[in-house]
Amino acid sequence: MEVSITEFRRQIFTLANQALDGEDVWFTHKGRRIKVVPEGQSASRLSRIAPVEIINPESPDLLDAGRKAEMMVEIEKAWEKDWESL
């Protein structure tokens, strides 16, 4: 939902509840769009991604549980960095 700043002021509590419920709430002020996001929600974008395990059967590293865990940490850091840049 996108509204003007005036409409946002009129409906601030309704729009805040919609944002808390996970809906996109945008308002426009001086020609710029502003998105209302509850605190902590932006960090959870990564948690909403469905995990997919991709296995290369020829990779000996996947047989080592310790190495596999290290690789997953490295991959997740790269994902988080990519998501933060959005």
N, C-alpha and C. Protein backbone atom coordinates (compact mmCIF):
# COMPACT_ATOMS: atom_id res chain seq x y z
N MET A 1 0.85 -1.17 0.00
CA MET A 1 0.00 0.00 0.00
C MET A 1 0.89 1.23 0.00
N GLU A 2 0.52 2.22 -0.81
CA GLU A 2 1.27 3.47 -0.86
C GLU A 2 0.29 4.62 -0.70
N VAL A 3 0.63 5.54 0.20
CA VAL A 3 -0.23 6.70 0.48
C VAL A 3 0.63 7.96 0.53
N SER A 4 -0.03 9.10 0.47
CA SER A 4 0.67 10.37 0.62
C SER A 4 1.00 10.58 2.10
N ILE A 5 1.87 11.53 2.38
CA ILE A 5 2.24 11.82 3.77
C ILE A 5 1.01 12.28 4.56
N THR A 6 0.11 13.03 3.92
CA THR A 6 -1.10 13.50 4.60
C THR A 6 -1.98 12.32 4.99
N GLU A 7 -2.16 11.41 4.05
CA GLU A 7 -2.97 10.21 4.33
C GLU A 7 -2.28 9.34 5.38
N PHE A 8 -0.97 9.29 5.33
CA PHE A 8 -0.22 8.52 6.33
C PHE A 8 -0.49 9.07 7.72
N ARG A 9 -0.47 10.42 7.86
CA ARG A 9 -0.75 11.03 9.16
C ARG A 9 -2.15 10.69 9.64
N ARG A 10 -3.12 10.71 8.75
CA ARG A 10 -4.51 10.41 9.12
C ARG A 10 -4.67 8.96 9.59
N GLN A 11 -3.96 8.06 8.96
CA GLN A 11 -4.16 6.62 9.22
C GLN A 11 -2.94 5.97 9.87
N ILE A 12 -2.15 6.72 10.62
CA ILE A 12 -0.86 6.21 11.11
C ILE A 12 -1.00 4.91 11.91
N PHE A 13 -2.01 4.82 12.75
CA PHE A 13 -2.15 3.61 13.57
C PHE A 13 -2.59 2.41 12.74
N THR A 14 -3.50 2.63 11.82
CA THR A 14 -3.93 1.54 10.93
C THR A 14 -2.77 1.06 10.07
N LEU A 15 -2.04 2.02 9.49
CA LEU A 15 -0.91 1.65 8.63
C LEU A 15 0.22 1.00 9.43
N ALA A 16 0.44 1.45 10.65
CA ALA A 16 1.46 0.82 11.49
C ALA A 16 1.08 -0.63 11.78
N ASN A 17 -0.19 -0.89 12.07
CA ASN A 17 -0.64 -2.26 12.31
C ASN A 17 -0.49 -3.12 11.06
N GLN A 18 -0.75 -2.54 9.90
CA GLN A 18 -0.58 -3.29 8.66
C GLN A 18 0.89 -3.66 8.45
N ALA A 19 1.78 -2.72 8.74
CA ALA A 19 3.21 -3.00 8.62
C ALA A 19 3.63 -4.10 9.59
N LEU A 20 3.09 -4.06 10.82
CA LEU A 20 3.40 -5.09 11.80
C LEU A 20 2.89 -6.46 11.37
N ASP A 21 1.81 -6.46 10.59
CA ASP A 21 1.24 -7.72 10.08
C ASP A 21 1.98 -8.23 8.86
N GLY A 22 3.01 -7.50 8.43
CA GLY A 22 3.83 -7.97 7.31
C GLY A 22 3.50 -7.36 5.96
N GLU A 23 2.52 -6.45 5.92
CA GLU A 23 2.18 -5.83 4.64
C GLU A 23 3.18 -4.72 4.33
N ASP A 24 3.41 -4.47 3.05
CA ASP A 24 4.26 -3.36 2.63
C ASP A 24 3.48 -2.06 2.79
N VAL A 25 4.06 -1.12 3.52
CA VAL A 25 3.45 0.19 3.70
C VAL A 25 4.46 1.25 3.25
N TRP A 26 4.07 2.02 2.27
CA TRP A 26 4.91 3.08 1.72
C TRP A 26 4.17 4.39 1.82
N PHE A 27 4.90 5.49 2.04
CA PHE A 27 4.30 6.80 1.89
C PHE A 27 5.25 7.67 1.10
N THR A 28 4.68 8.70 0.48
CA THR A 28 5.45 9.59 -0.38
C THR A 28 5.54 10.95 0.28
N HIS A 29 6.76 11.50 0.31
CA HIS A 29 6.98 12.83 0.87
C HIS A 29 8.04 13.54 0.04
N LYS A 30 7.69 14.71 -0.47
CA LYS A 30 8.59 15.51 -1.30
C LYS A 30 9.16 14.71 -2.47
N GLY A 31 8.30 13.90 -3.06
CA GLY A 31 8.69 13.14 -4.24
C GLY A 31 9.52 11.89 -3.96
N ARG A 32 9.71 11.55 -2.69
CA ARG A 32 10.50 10.35 -2.35
C ARG A 32 9.62 9.34 -1.63
N ARG A 33 9.86 8.08 -1.93
CA ARG A 33 9.10 7.00 -1.30
C ARG A 33 9.82 6.53 -0.04
N ILE A 34 9.05 6.29 1.01
CA ILE A 34 9.59 5.82 2.28
C ILE A 34 8.80 4.58 2.69
N LYS A 35 9.52 3.53 3.07
CA LYS A 35 8.89 2.28 3.47
C LYS A 35 8.90 2.16 4.99
N VAL A 36 7.76 1.75 5.55
CA VAL A 36 7.64 1.54 6.98
C VAL A 36 7.90 0.06 7.24
N VAL A 37 8.93 -0.22 8.07
CA VAL A 37 9.31 -1.60 8.36
C VAL A 37 9.48 -1.74 9.87
N PRO A 38 8.83 -2.73 10.48
CA PRO A 38 9.01 -2.94 11.92
C PRO A 38 10.47 -3.27 12.26
N GLU A 39 10.91 -2.84 13.42
CA GLU A 39 12.27 -3.11 13.86
C GLU A 39 12.54 -4.60 13.87
N GLY A 40 13.68 -4.99 13.36
CA GLY A 40 14.07 -6.40 13.34
C GLY A 40 13.55 -7.17 12.15
N GLN A 41 12.59 -6.63 11.43
CA GLN A 41 12.04 -7.36 10.29
C GLN A 41 13.03 -7.46 9.16
N SER A 42 13.80 -6.41 8.92
CA SER A 42 14.72 -6.46 7.79
C SER A 42 15.79 -7.52 7.97
N ALA A 43 16.14 -7.84 9.21
CA ALA A 43 17.14 -8.87 9.44
C ALA A 43 16.59 -10.27 9.19
N SER A 44 15.26 -10.40 9.17
CA SER A 44 14.68 -11.73 9.03
C SER A 44 14.42 -12.13 7.58
N ARG A 45 14.79 -11.29 6.63
CA ARG A 45 14.56 -11.65 5.23
C ARG A 45 15.25 -12.95 4.87
N LEU A 46 16.45 -13.14 5.39
CA LEU A 46 17.19 -14.35 5.10
C LEU A 46 16.48 -15.57 5.67
N SER A 47 15.84 -15.41 6.81
CA SER A 47 15.17 -16.55 7.44
C SER A 47 13.93 -16.99 6.66
N ARG A 48 13.40 -16.12 5.78
CA ARG A 48 12.23 -16.49 4.99
C ARG A 48 12.58 -17.25 3.73
N ILE A 49 13.85 -17.37 3.43
CA ILE A 49 14.28 -18.10 2.24
C ILE A 49 14.19 -19.59 2.52
N ALA A 50 13.59 -20.31 1.60
CA ALA A 50 13.49 -21.76 1.75
C ALA A 50 14.87 -22.37 1.50
N PRO A 51 15.41 -23.12 2.46
CA PRO A 51 16.73 -23.71 2.27
C PRO A 51 16.69 -24.82 1.21
N VAL A 52 17.71 -24.83 0.40
CA VAL A 52 17.86 -25.85 -0.63
C VAL A 52 19.27 -26.41 -0.49
N GLU A 53 19.36 -27.69 -0.29
CA GLU A 53 20.67 -28.30 -0.15
C GLU A 53 21.13 -28.80 -1.51
N ILE A 54 22.26 -28.29 -1.94
CA ILE A 54 22.83 -28.68 -3.23
C ILE A 54 24.07 -29.50 -2.94
N ILE A 55 24.12 -30.67 -3.50
CA ILE A 55 25.23 -31.59 -3.21
C ILE A 55 25.96 -31.94 -4.50
N ASN A 56 27.27 -31.79 -4.44
CA ASN A 56 28.12 -32.25 -5.52
C ASN A 56 28.71 -33.58 -5.04
N PRO A 57 28.25 -34.69 -5.56
CA PRO A 57 28.70 -35.99 -5.05
C PRO A 57 30.20 -36.23 -5.23
N GLU A 58 30.84 -35.48 -6.11
CA GLU A 58 32.26 -35.67 -6.34
C GLU A 58 33.13 -34.84 -5.40
N SER A 59 32.51 -34.02 -4.54
CA SER A 59 33.26 -33.17 -3.62
C SER A 59 33.58 -33.94 -2.33
N PRO A 60 34.87 -34.20 -2.06
CA PRO A 60 35.22 -34.92 -0.84
C PRO A 60 34.98 -34.09 0.42
N ASP A 61 34.91 -32.75 0.29
CA ASP A 61 34.69 -31.89 1.44
C ASP A 61 33.34 -32.13 2.10
N LEU A 62 32.34 -32.57 1.33
CA LEU A 62 31.01 -32.77 1.89
C LEU A 62 30.94 -33.98 2.81
N LEU A 63 31.91 -34.86 2.71
CA LEU A 63 31.93 -36.02 3.59
C LEU A 63 32.42 -35.66 4.99
N ASP A 64 33.14 -34.56 5.10
CA ASP A 64 33.66 -34.09 6.38
C ASP A 64 32.65 -33.11 6.97
N ALA A 65 32.00 -33.49 8.09
CA ALA A 65 30.95 -32.67 8.71
C ALA A 65 31.49 -31.31 9.14
N GLY A 66 32.70 -31.26 9.65
CA GLY A 66 33.29 -29.99 10.07
C GLY A 66 33.49 -29.04 8.91
N ARG A 67 34.01 -29.55 7.81
CA ARG A 67 34.23 -28.72 6.62
C ARG A 67 32.90 -28.27 6.02
N LYS A 68 31.91 -29.16 6.05
CA LYS A 68 30.59 -28.81 5.53
C LYS A 68 29.99 -27.66 6.34
N ALA A 69 30.13 -27.70 7.67
CA ALA A 69 29.62 -26.64 8.53
C ALA A 69 30.34 -25.32 8.25
N GLU A 70 31.66 -25.37 8.04
CA GLU A 70 32.42 -24.16 7.72
C GLU A 70 31.94 -23.55 6.40
N MET A 71 31.71 -24.41 5.42
CA MET A 71 31.25 -23.92 4.12
C MET A 71 29.88 -23.27 4.24
N MET A 72 28.98 -23.84 5.06
CA MET A 72 27.66 -23.26 5.23
C MET A 72 27.73 -21.90 5.89
N VAL A 73 28.61 -21.72 6.88
CA VAL A 73 28.79 -20.43 7.54
C VAL A 73 29.27 -19.40 6.52
N GLU A 74 30.23 -19.80 5.71
CA GLU A 74 30.77 -18.91 4.68
C GLU A 74 29.70 -18.51 3.67
N ILE A 75 28.88 -19.45 3.26
CA ILE A 75 27.81 -19.18 2.30
C ILE A 75 26.77 -18.24 2.90
N GLU A 76 26.38 -18.49 4.16
CA GLU A 76 25.38 -17.65 4.82
C GLU A 76 25.88 -16.21 4.99
N LYS A 77 27.16 -16.04 5.29
CA LYS A 77 27.72 -14.68 5.40
C LYS A 77 27.63 -13.96 4.06
N ALA A 78 27.92 -14.68 2.99
CA ALA A 78 27.83 -14.07 1.66
C ALA A 78 26.38 -13.69 1.34
N TRP A 79 25.43 -14.55 1.70
CA TRP A 79 24.01 -14.23 1.48
C TRP A 79 23.61 -12.98 2.25
N GLU A 80 24.00 -12.93 3.53
CA GLU A 80 23.64 -11.79 4.36
C GLU A 80 24.22 -10.50 3.80
N LYS A 81 25.45 -10.55 3.31
CA LYS A 81 26.08 -9.38 2.73
C LYS A 81 25.30 -8.93 1.50
N ASP A 82 24.89 -9.89 0.66
CA ASP A 82 24.10 -9.56 -0.52
C ASP A 82 22.76 -8.94 -0.15
N TRP A 83 22.10 -9.49 0.89
CA TRP A 83 20.79 -8.98 1.29
C TRP A 83 20.91 -7.59 1.89
N GLU A 84 22.00 -7.32 2.62
CA GLU A 84 22.17 -6.00 3.24
C GLU A 84 22.37 -4.92 2.19
N SER A 85 22.92 -5.29 1.06
CA SER A 85 23.17 -4.29 0.02
C SER A 85 21.91 -3.90 -0.74
N LEU A 86 20.79 -4.62 -0.52
CA LEU A 86 19.54 -4.29 -1.21
C LEU A 86 18.84 -3.12 -0.60
